[in-house]
Amino acid sequence: MTVLHLADETEAADLAAFLSRLLRYDRGAAVRLQAAGTALAVFGRPPSFEVLAVRAVRLAKPYEDGLDVTLDVTVSAGELLESIDERAATAAVPAAVTGPPWAGVLPPRGGWRPEPGLPAADALRTTVAESVAEFRSRTQELTPERRTRAELDRIGRDIWSREVGDTRLPVRAVHAAQSLGFLRPGAGADGTGLYSCGAWLRLRTPYGSVAVRRTGPGALGVLGVSVR
């Protein structure tokens, strides 16, 4: 069994927290792991947001002791979480699983260009709070006969597909970043930014990234629906 040696207890705890949040939205969640050198990238897709989340983890030593070997495998998020030993700062790589469709379409590794217009981190958190409040207010105003899944989805699409500031980034991507622990207080202008590469947009913070991909002319990703 392959054992990953993480940089320290904090890295182990942060990885465990990320996996726990993913599992809150999907108990059967899978994650794709890619490791090379002292970097491990963990990709996940919380279904409530329809975005791709990326958590970068520092390793204590080059993967496979620096040999010309890389790790690229899709595994159960739950099994990976159970394997994490925070005190020892280790994680055992579970057996591979058949990856969901999203795992085969990942953002490019390079070629990202800065995009202007992203509000400050505090303003992003305010946008999420206001959007959640609006969703709750509008759904609470519905009469019982109108409180259908279709109507809730319609309201959700209206709110979460809005663009942030002067960017093409949908609000749902910012909501995902906050819900997954990426948009914490202290993630300021020096560490939070918006980048683009081809069909992809990426919101990057010191704690992780959220990426969305164009699926049609003028559109990004598959629109999220409600807030759970």
Protein backbone atom coordinates (compact mmCIF):
# COMPACT_ATOMS: atom_id res chain seq x y z
CA MET A 1 0.00 0.00 0.00
CA THR A 2 1.31 3.45 -0.93
CA VAL A 3 1.69 5.79 2.04
CA LEU A 4 1.95 9.53 1.53
CA HIS A 5 4.08 11.45 4.02
CA LEU A 6 2.55 14.88 4.40
CA ALA A 7 4.61 17.94 5.33
CA ASP A 8 3.22 18.25 8.86
CA GLU A 9 0.17 17.78 11.09
CA THR A 10 -1.44 20.96 9.75
CA GLU A 11 -1.35 19.67 6.18
CA ALA A 12 -2.89 16.40 7.35
CA ALA A 13 -5.63 18.20 9.29
CA ASP A 14 -6.43 20.51 6.36
CA LEU A 15 -6.67 17.57 3.96
CA ALA A 16 -8.98 15.76 6.39
CA ALA A 17 -11.17 18.87 6.69
CA PHE A 18 -11.41 19.22 2.91
CA LEU A 19 -12.42 15.58 2.47
CA SER A 20 -14.98 15.87 5.29
CA ARG A 21 -16.60 18.85 3.58
CA LEU A 22 -16.78 17.01 0.26
CA LEU A 23 -18.39 14.02 1.95
CA ARG A 24 -20.98 16.29 3.55
CA TYR A 25 -22.31 17.00 0.05
CA ASP A 26 -21.78 13.50 -1.35
CA ARG A 27 -21.28 10.49 0.92
CA GLY A 28 -19.97 8.49 -2.02
CA ALA A 29 -17.57 11.19 -3.22
CA ALA A 30 -14.46 10.24 -5.16
CA VAL A 31 -11.31 12.32 -5.47
CA ARG A 32 -8.55 12.23 -8.04
CA LEU A 33 -5.01 12.36 -6.66
CA GLN A 34 -2.02 13.58 -8.63
CA ALA A 35 1.41 13.67 -6.97
CA ALA A 36 4.82 14.57 -8.32
CA GLY A 37 7.80 15.69 -6.31
CA THR A 38 6.67 17.26 -3.03
CA ALA A 39 3.23 18.34 -4.27
CA LEU A 40 -0.06 16.49 -4.07
CA ALA A 41 -3.17 17.82 -5.82
CA VAL A 42 -6.54 16.53 -4.64
CA PHE A 43 -9.48 17.14 -7.02
CA GLY A 44 -13.12 16.85 -5.98
CA ARG A 45 -16.53 17.91 -7.27
CA PRO A 46 -19.24 18.82 -4.74
CA PRO A 47 -22.51 18.22 -6.63
CA SER A 48 -24.42 21.05 -4.98
CA PHE A 49 -22.14 23.61 -6.65
CA GLU A 50 -21.20 21.97 -9.97
CA VAL A 51 -17.59 23.18 -9.75
CA LEU A 52 -14.22 21.49 -9.52
CA ALA A 53 -12.40 21.96 -6.21
CA VAL A 54 -8.63 21.60 -5.96
CA ARG A 55 -6.73 21.25 -2.69
CA ALA A 56 -2.94 21.40 -2.88
CA VAL A 57 -1.10 19.44 -0.18
CA ARG A 58 2.60 19.66 0.64
CA LEU A 59 4.48 16.41 1.03
CA ALA A 60 7.38 15.90 3.43
CA LYS A 61 9.58 14.38 0.74
CA PRO A 62 9.42 13.87 -3.01
CA TYR A 63 6.91 11.25 -4.01
CA GLU A 64 8.62 7.84 -4.26
CA ASP A 65 11.80 9.45 -2.85
CA GLY A 66 12.35 11.50 -5.98
CA LEU A 67 12.29 8.63 -8.44
CA ASP A 68 10.81 9.22 -11.87
CA VAL A 69 7.41 8.06 -10.66
CA THR A 70 4.17 9.98 -10.36
CA LEU A 71 0.86 9.17 -8.71
CA ASP A 72 -2.38 9.65 -10.64
CA VAL A 73 -5.35 7.72 -9.31
CA THR A 74 -9.04 8.19 -8.44
CA VAL A 75 -10.06 6.88 -5.01
CA SER A 76 -12.88 6.96 -2.49
CA ALA A 77 -12.83 10.22 -0.52
CA GLY A 78 -14.22 8.40 2.53
CA GLU A 79 -11.52 5.72 2.46
CA LEU A 80 -8.80 8.32 2.03
CA LEU A 81 -10.17 10.28 4.97
CA GLU A 82 -10.19 7.18 7.16
CA SER A 83 -6.55 6.50 6.29
CA ILE A 84 -5.25 9.88 7.45
CA ASP A 85 -3.16 9.83 10.63
CA GLU A 86 -2.90 13.48 11.65
CA ARG A 87 -0.27 12.93 14.36
CA ALA A 88 1.97 10.96 12.04
CA ALA A 89 1.08 13.26 9.11
CA THR A 90 0.50 10.30 6.80
CA ALA A 91 -2.23 9.08 4.48
CA ALA A 92 -2.55 5.69 2.81
CA VAL A 93 -3.71 5.70 -0.80
CA PRO A 94 -6.83 3.48 -1.10
CA ALA A 95 -7.51 1.12 -3.97
CA ALA A 96 -8.47 2.83 -7.21
CA VAL A 97 -12.13 3.21 -8.12
CA THR A 98 -13.83 3.81 -11.44
CA GLY A 99 -13.69 7.55 -11.78
CA PRO A 100 -16.77 9.70 -12.39
CA PRO A 101 -16.87 11.58 -15.72
CA TRP A 102 -15.54 14.84 -14.26
CA ALA A 103 -12.30 13.13 -13.18
CA GLY A 104 -11.28 12.80 -16.81
CA VAL A 105 -11.59 16.52 -17.55
CA LEU A 106 -9.24 18.48 -15.28
CA PRO A 107 -8.03 22.07 -15.61
CA PRO A 108 -4.67 22.57 -17.36
CA ARG A 109 -1.55 22.71 -15.19
CA GLY A 110 -0.10 25.81 -16.81
CA GLY A 111 -0.93 28.74 -19.04
CA TRP A 112 -3.11 30.60 -16.52
CA ARG A 113 -3.49 34.36 -16.99
CA PRO A 114 -4.67 36.84 -14.32
CA GLU A 115 -8.19 38.19 -14.81
CA PRO A 116 -9.16 41.67 -13.56
CA GLY A 117 -12.24 42.74 -11.66
CA LEU A 118 -12.30 40.31 -8.72
CA PRO A 119 -13.54 42.02 -5.52
CA ALA A 120 -11.56 41.74 -2.28
CA ALA A 121 -11.94 38.58 -0.19
CA ASP A 122 -14.14 40.33 2.39
CA ALA A 123 -16.47 41.49 -0.37
CA LEU A 124 -16.63 37.95 -1.78
CA ARG A 125 -17.72 36.59 1.59
CA THR A 126 -20.34 39.34 1.81
CA THR A 127 -21.64 38.39 -1.63
CA VAL A 128 -22.09 34.79 -0.52
CA ALA A 129 -23.89 35.80 2.68
CA GLU A 130 -26.25 38.10 0.79
CA SER A 131 -26.96 35.46 -1.84
CA VAL A 132 -27.76 32.81 0.78
CA ALA A 133 -30.06 35.27 2.56
CA GLU A 134 -31.81 36.11 -0.72
CA PHE A 135 -32.34 32.44 -1.56
CA ARG A 136 -33.85 31.75 1.86
CA SER A 137 -36.05 34.84 1.72
CA ARG A 138 -37.40 34.11 -1.74
CA THR A 139 -38.08 30.45 -1.00
CA GLN A 140 -39.79 31.24 2.31
CA GLU A 141 -42.15 33.58 0.48
CA LEU A 142 -43.42 30.74 -1.71
CA THR A 143 -46.85 29.36 -0.97
CA PRO A 144 -46.95 25.61 -0.24
CA GLU A 145 -48.32 24.79 -3.70
CA ARG A 146 -45.49 26.73 -5.38
CA ARG A 147 -42.72 25.24 -3.23
CA THR A 148 -41.72 22.67 -5.84
CA ARG A 149 -38.26 21.40 -6.74
CA ALA A 150 -38.58 23.08 -10.13
CA GLU A 151 -39.30 26.46 -8.54
CA LEU A 152 -36.50 26.11 -5.98
CA ASP A 153 -34.11 25.23 -8.81
CA ARG A 154 -35.28 28.22 -10.84
CA ILE A 155 -34.59 30.60 -7.94
CA GLY A 156 -31.24 28.96 -7.32
CA ARG A 157 -30.18 29.30 -10.95
CA ASP A 158 -31.19 32.96 -10.93
CA ILE A 159 -29.04 33.72 -7.87
CA TRP A 160 -26.02 31.44 -8.23
CA SER A 161 -25.44 32.05 -11.93
CA ARG A 162 -24.93 35.78 -11.42
CA GLU A 163 -21.44 37.02 -12.15
CA VAL A 164 -19.18 38.41 -9.44
CA GLY A 165 -18.18 42.04 -9.86
CA ASP A 166 -16.82 42.74 -13.33
CA THR A 167 -15.79 39.12 -13.91
CA ARG A 168 -17.32 36.08 -15.61
CA LEU A 169 -17.07 34.08 -12.38
CA PRO A 170 -20.48 32.80 -11.18
CA VAL A 171 -21.42 33.42 -7.55
CA ARG A 172 -21.79 29.67 -7.02
CA ALA A 173 -18.00 29.29 -7.44
CA VAL A 174 -17.39 31.76 -4.61
CA HIS A 175 -20.02 30.01 -2.49
CA ALA A 176 -18.27 26.71 -3.11
CA ALA A 177 -14.90 28.20 -2.14
CA GLN A 178 -16.30 29.43 1.17
CA SER A 179 -18.21 26.22 1.91
CA LEU A 180 -15.09 24.12 1.30
CA GLY A 181 -12.95 26.24 3.62
CA PHE A 182 -10.96 28.00 0.90
CA LEU A 183 -12.22 31.54 1.47
CA ARG A 184 -11.25 32.04 5.11
CA PRO A 185 -10.68 35.36 6.85
CA GLY A 186 -7.10 36.30 6.13
CA ALA A 187 -7.23 35.17 2.50
CA GLY A 188 -6.55 38.68 1.28
CA ALA A 189 -5.47 40.37 -1.89
CA ASP A 190 -2.01 38.82 -1.80
CA GLY A 191 -3.35 35.29 -1.98
CA THR A 192 -6.73 35.41 -3.70
CA GLY A 193 -7.06 35.93 -7.42
CA LEU A 194 -8.95 35.01 -10.57
CA TYR A 195 -7.25 33.33 -13.52
CA SER A 196 -8.28 32.02 -16.92
CA CYS A 197 -6.94 29.43 -19.34
CA GLY A 198 -8.91 28.58 -22.46
CA ALA A 199 -12.41 27.52 -21.41
CA TRP A 200 -11.53 27.52 -17.70
CA LEU A 201 -11.86 30.11 -14.94
CA ARG A 202 -10.10 29.52 -11.63
CA LEU A 203 -10.63 31.25 -8.28
CA ARG A 204 -7.42 30.71 -6.34
CA THR A 205 -6.94 31.30 -2.61
CA PRO A 206 -4.11 30.36 -0.21
CA TYR A 207 -6.19 27.35 0.90
CA GLY A 208 -7.38 25.89 -2.39
CA SER A 209 -8.93 26.64 -5.77
CA VAL A 210 -12.31 26.36 -7.44
CA ALA A 211 -12.50 25.99 -11.23
CA VAL A 212 -15.42 26.23 -13.64
CA ARG A 213 -15.40 25.35 -17.33
CA ARG A 214 -17.31 26.67 -20.31
CA THR A 215 -19.89 24.28 -21.68
CA GLY A 216 -21.42 26.54 -24.31
CA PRO A 217 -21.18 30.00 -25.87
CA GLY A 218 -21.03 32.58 -23.10
CA ALA A 219 -21.64 30.03 -20.36
CA LEU A 220 -19.45 28.59 -17.66
CA GLY A 221 -20.04 25.14 -16.25
CA VAL A 222 -23.40 23.68 -15.33
CA LEU A 223 -25.43 26.06 -13.24
CA GLY A 224 -25.86 25.16 -9.60
CA VAL A 225 -29.31 25.10 -8.13
CA SER A 226 -30.27 25.38 -4.47
CA VAL A 227 -28.50 25.87 -1.16
CA ARG A 228 -28.65 22.95 1.20
